[in-house]
Amino acid sequence: MAKAHIVVSRTNARADTGSTLPLPDAIPALAATATSSTASAVVATMPAGSYLACHVTAIGGALWLAFSAVGAADPTAAEGQGWLLQDGETRSFGVNAGQKLAIAEAAL
């Protein structure tokens, strides 16, 4: 079964050179690894904070990802909805406190 490693961090802008380079804080606000199944499951709720980024890495297989809007119903991760991560791929998303992340194993 595939796993999702999830890191949520505050993002700061570094501008020593005159252009902005957003970098995640070294200490995450949330870090967890969740095992997927073929059914969608909510695996994380974004913590309080501003300028948050959620970084997700697929380990051991492809994953479907879906995020909810703040205060909305739980998201459903499934084919044709949300995002697809291939095994070993990492993606970063701008998120808000209270959003939920669901994952499901992708059978490709």
C-alpha atoms as a PDB file:
ATOM      1  CA  MET A   1       0.000   0.000   0.000  1.00  0.00           C
ATOM      2  CA  ALA A   2       1.185   3.488  -0.812  1.00  0.00           C
ATOM      3  CA  LYS A   3       1.895   6.046   1.878  1.00  0.00           C
ATOM      4  CA  ALA A   4       1.745   9.815   1.935  1.00  0.00           C
ATOM      5  CA  HIS A   5       4.323  11.757   3.906  1.00  0.00           C
ATOM      6  CA  ILE A   6       2.778  15.129   4.763  1.00  0.00           C
ATOM      7  CA  VAL A   7       4.620  18.193   6.033  1.00  0.00           C
ATOM      8  CA  VAL A   8       2.842  21.476   6.673  1.00  0.00           C
ATOM      9  CA  SER A   9       5.008  24.513   7.281  1.00  0.00           C
ATOM     10  CA  ARG A  10       4.731  28.248   7.444  1.00  0.00           C
ATOM     11  CA  THR A  11       6.395  29.847   4.435  1.00  0.00           C
ATOM     12  CA  ASN A  12       8.608  32.906   4.710  1.00  0.00           C
ATOM     13  CA  ALA A  13       9.762  35.112   1.870  1.00  0.00           C
ATOM     14  CA  ARG A  14      13.524  35.642   1.648  1.00  0.00           C
ATOM     15  CA  ALA A  15      14.481  38.694  -0.362  1.00  0.00           C
ATOM     16  CA  ASP A  16      18.200  39.304   0.121  1.00  0.00           C
ATOM     17  CA  THR A  17      18.750  39.569  -3.641  1.00  0.00           C
ATOM     18  CA  GLY A  18      15.801  41.824  -4.413  1.00  0.00           C
ATOM     19  CA  SER A  19      13.540  39.027  -5.620  1.00  0.00           C
ATOM     20  CA  THR A  20      11.320  36.969  -3.330  1.00  0.00           C
ATOM     21  CA  LEU A  21      12.142  33.312  -2.711  1.00  0.00           C
ATOM     22  CA  PRO A  22       9.507  31.576  -0.574  1.00  0.00           C
ATOM     23  CA  LEU A  23      11.075  29.011   1.747  1.00  0.00           C
ATOM     24  CA  PRO A  24       9.377  26.661   4.230  1.00  0.00           C
ATOM     25  CA  ASP A  25      10.241  27.084   7.901  1.00  0.00           C
ATOM     26  CA  ALA A  26      12.700  24.456   9.141  1.00  0.00           C
ATOM     27  CA  ILE A  27      10.364  23.403  11.953  1.00  0.00           C
ATOM     28  CA  PRO A  28       7.080  22.061  10.532  1.00  0.00           C
ATOM     29  CA  ALA A  29       3.680  22.904  11.987  1.00  0.00           C
ATOM     30  CA  LEU A  30       2.585  19.329  11.198  1.00  0.00           C
ATOM     31  CA  ALA A  31       4.411  16.221   9.983  1.00  0.00           C
ATOM     32  CA  ALA A  32       2.802  12.797   9.506  1.00  0.00           C
ATOM     33  CA  THR A  33       2.927   9.672   7.382  1.00  0.00           C
ATOM     34  CA  ALA A  34      -0.383   8.043   6.435  1.00  0.00           C
ATOM     35  CA  THR A  35      -1.077   4.707   4.733  1.00  0.00           C
ATOM     36  CA  SER A  36      -3.549   4.792   1.857  1.00  0.00           C
ATOM     37  CA  SER A  37      -6.258   2.368   0.808  1.00  0.00           C
ATOM     38  CA  THR A  38      -8.457   2.192  -2.266  1.00  0.00           C
ATOM     39  CA  ALA A  39     -11.107   4.184  -0.358  1.00  0.00           C
ATOM     40  CA  SER A  40     -10.652   7.908   0.191  1.00  0.00           C
ATOM     41  CA  ALA A  41      -9.729   8.909   3.751  1.00  0.00           C
ATOM     42  CA  VAL A  42      -9.033  12.269   5.396  1.00  0.00           C
ATOM     43  CA  VAL A  43      -5.484  12.070   6.752  1.00  0.00           C
ATOM     44  CA  ALA A  44      -4.709  15.637   7.817  1.00  0.00           C
ATOM     45  CA  THR A  45      -6.342  18.875   8.884  1.00  0.00           C
ATOM     46  CA  MET A  46      -4.235  21.973   8.303  1.00  0.00           C
ATOM     47  CA  PRO A  47      -3.117  23.591  11.572  1.00  0.00           C
ATOM     48  CA  ALA A  48      -3.601  27.203  12.608  1.00  0.00           C
ATOM     49  CA  GLY A  49      -1.265  29.690  10.992  1.00  0.00           C
ATOM     50  CA  SER A  50      -0.823  31.937   8.008  1.00  0.00           C
ATOM     51  CA  TYR A  51       1.210  31.530   4.818  1.00  0.00           C
ATOM     52  CA  LEU A  52       1.002  27.731   5.101  1.00  0.00           C
ATOM     53  CA  ALA A  53       2.365  25.261   2.567  1.00  0.00           C
ATOM     54  CA  CYS A  54       1.520  21.552   2.520  1.00  0.00           C
ATOM     55  CA  HIS A  55       4.215  19.320   1.024  1.00  0.00           C
ATOM     56  CA  VAL A  56       3.108  15.755   0.159  1.00  0.00           C
ATOM     57  CA  THR A  57       5.381  12.900  -0.966  1.00  0.00           C
ATOM     58  CA  ALA A  58       4.019   9.622  -2.387  1.00  0.00           C
ATOM     59  CA  ILE A  59       5.923   6.583  -1.087  1.00  0.00           C
ATOM     60  CA  GLY A  60       5.483   3.083  -2.488  1.00  0.00           C
ATOM     61  CA  GLY A  61       2.836   3.853  -5.109  1.00  0.00           C
ATOM     62  CA  ALA A  62       0.732   6.517  -6.785  1.00  0.00           C
ATOM     63  CA  LEU A  63      -1.839   8.517  -4.794  1.00  0.00           C
ATOM     64  CA  TRP A  64      -4.918  10.617  -5.463  1.00  0.00           C
ATOM     65  CA  LEU A  65      -5.086  13.766  -3.306  1.00  0.00           C
ATOM     66  CA  ALA A  66      -7.992  16.105  -2.617  1.00  0.00           C
ATOM     67  CA  PHE A  67      -8.264  19.194  -0.414  1.00  0.00           C
ATOM     68  CA  SER A  68     -11.429  20.655   1.075  1.00  0.00           C
ATOM     69  CA  ALA A  69     -12.259  24.326   1.248  1.00  0.00           C
ATOM     70  CA  VAL A  70     -12.160  25.768   4.770  1.00  0.00           C
ATOM     71  CA  GLY A  71     -15.339  24.727   6.589  1.00  0.00           C
ATOM     72  CA  ALA A  72     -16.574  22.564   3.688  1.00  0.00           C
ATOM     73  CA  ALA A  73     -17.445  18.869   3.713  1.00  0.00           C
ATOM     74  CA  ASP A  74     -14.636  16.314   3.797  1.00  0.00           C
ATOM     75  CA  PRO A  75     -12.888  15.984   0.429  1.00  0.00           C
ATOM     76  CA  THR A  76     -12.955  12.802  -1.639  1.00  0.00           C
ATOM     77  CA  ALA A  77      -9.722  11.657  -3.258  1.00  0.00           C
ATOM     78  CA  ALA A  78     -10.477   9.658  -6.397  1.00  0.00           C
ATOM     79  CA  GLU A  79      -9.654   9.320 -10.068  1.00  0.00           C
ATOM     80  CA  GLY A  80     -10.665  12.448 -11.959  1.00  0.00           C
ATOM     81  CA  GLN A  81     -10.779  14.572  -8.793  1.00  0.00           C
ATOM     82  CA  GLY A  82      -7.970  16.556  -7.246  1.00  0.00           C
ATOM     83  CA  TRP A  83      -4.315  15.749  -7.796  1.00  0.00           C
ATOM     84  CA  LEU A  84      -2.333  12.672  -8.829  1.00  0.00           C
ATOM     85  CA  LEU A  85       1.109  12.018  -7.322  1.00  0.00           C
ATOM     86  CA  GLN A  86       3.331   9.319  -8.791  1.00  0.00           C
ATOM     87  CA  ASP A  87       5.511   7.152  -6.540  1.00  0.00           C
ATOM     88  CA  GLY A  88       8.424   9.246  -5.262  1.00  0.00           C
ATOM     89  CA  GLU A  89       6.905  12.557  -6.360  1.00  0.00           C
ATOM     90  CA  THR A  90       6.619  15.522  -3.979  1.00  0.00           C
ATOM     91  CA  ARG A  91       4.237  18.431  -4.522  1.00  0.00           C
ATOM     92  CA  SER A  92       3.692  21.588  -2.539  1.00  0.00           C
ATOM     93  CA  PHE A  93       0.354  23.347  -2.115  1.00  0.00           C
ATOM     94  CA  GLY A  94      -0.631  26.664  -0.574  1.00  0.00           C
ATOM     95  CA  VAL A  95      -3.234  25.886   2.111  1.00  0.00           C
ATOM     96  CA  ASN A  96      -5.273  27.600   4.806  1.00  0.00           C
ATOM     97  CA  ALA A  97      -5.865  26.587   8.423  1.00  0.00           C
ATOM     98  CA  GLY A  98      -8.803  24.185   8.692  1.00  0.00           C
ATOM     99  CA  GLN A  99      -8.566  22.697   5.204  1.00  0.00           C
ATOM    100  CA  LYS A 100      -8.547  18.890   5.104  1.00  0.00           C
ATOM    101  CA  LEU A 101      -6.461  16.555   2.945  1.00  0.00           C
ATOM    102  CA  ALA A 102      -7.765  13.188   1.753  1.00  0.00           C
ATOM    103  CA  ILE A 103      -5.747  10.479   0.000  1.00  0.00           C
ATOM    104  CA  ALA A 104      -6.574   7.282  -1.889  1.00  0.00           C
ATOM    105  CA  GLU A 105      -4.367   4.728  -3.590  1.00  0.00           C
ATOM    106  CA  ALA A 106      -4.291   5.178  -7.358  1.00  0.00           C
ATOM    107  CA  ALA A 107      -4.537   2.049  -9.503  1.00  0.00           C
ATOM    108  CA  LEU A 108      -2.893   3.104 -12.740  1.00  0.00           C
END
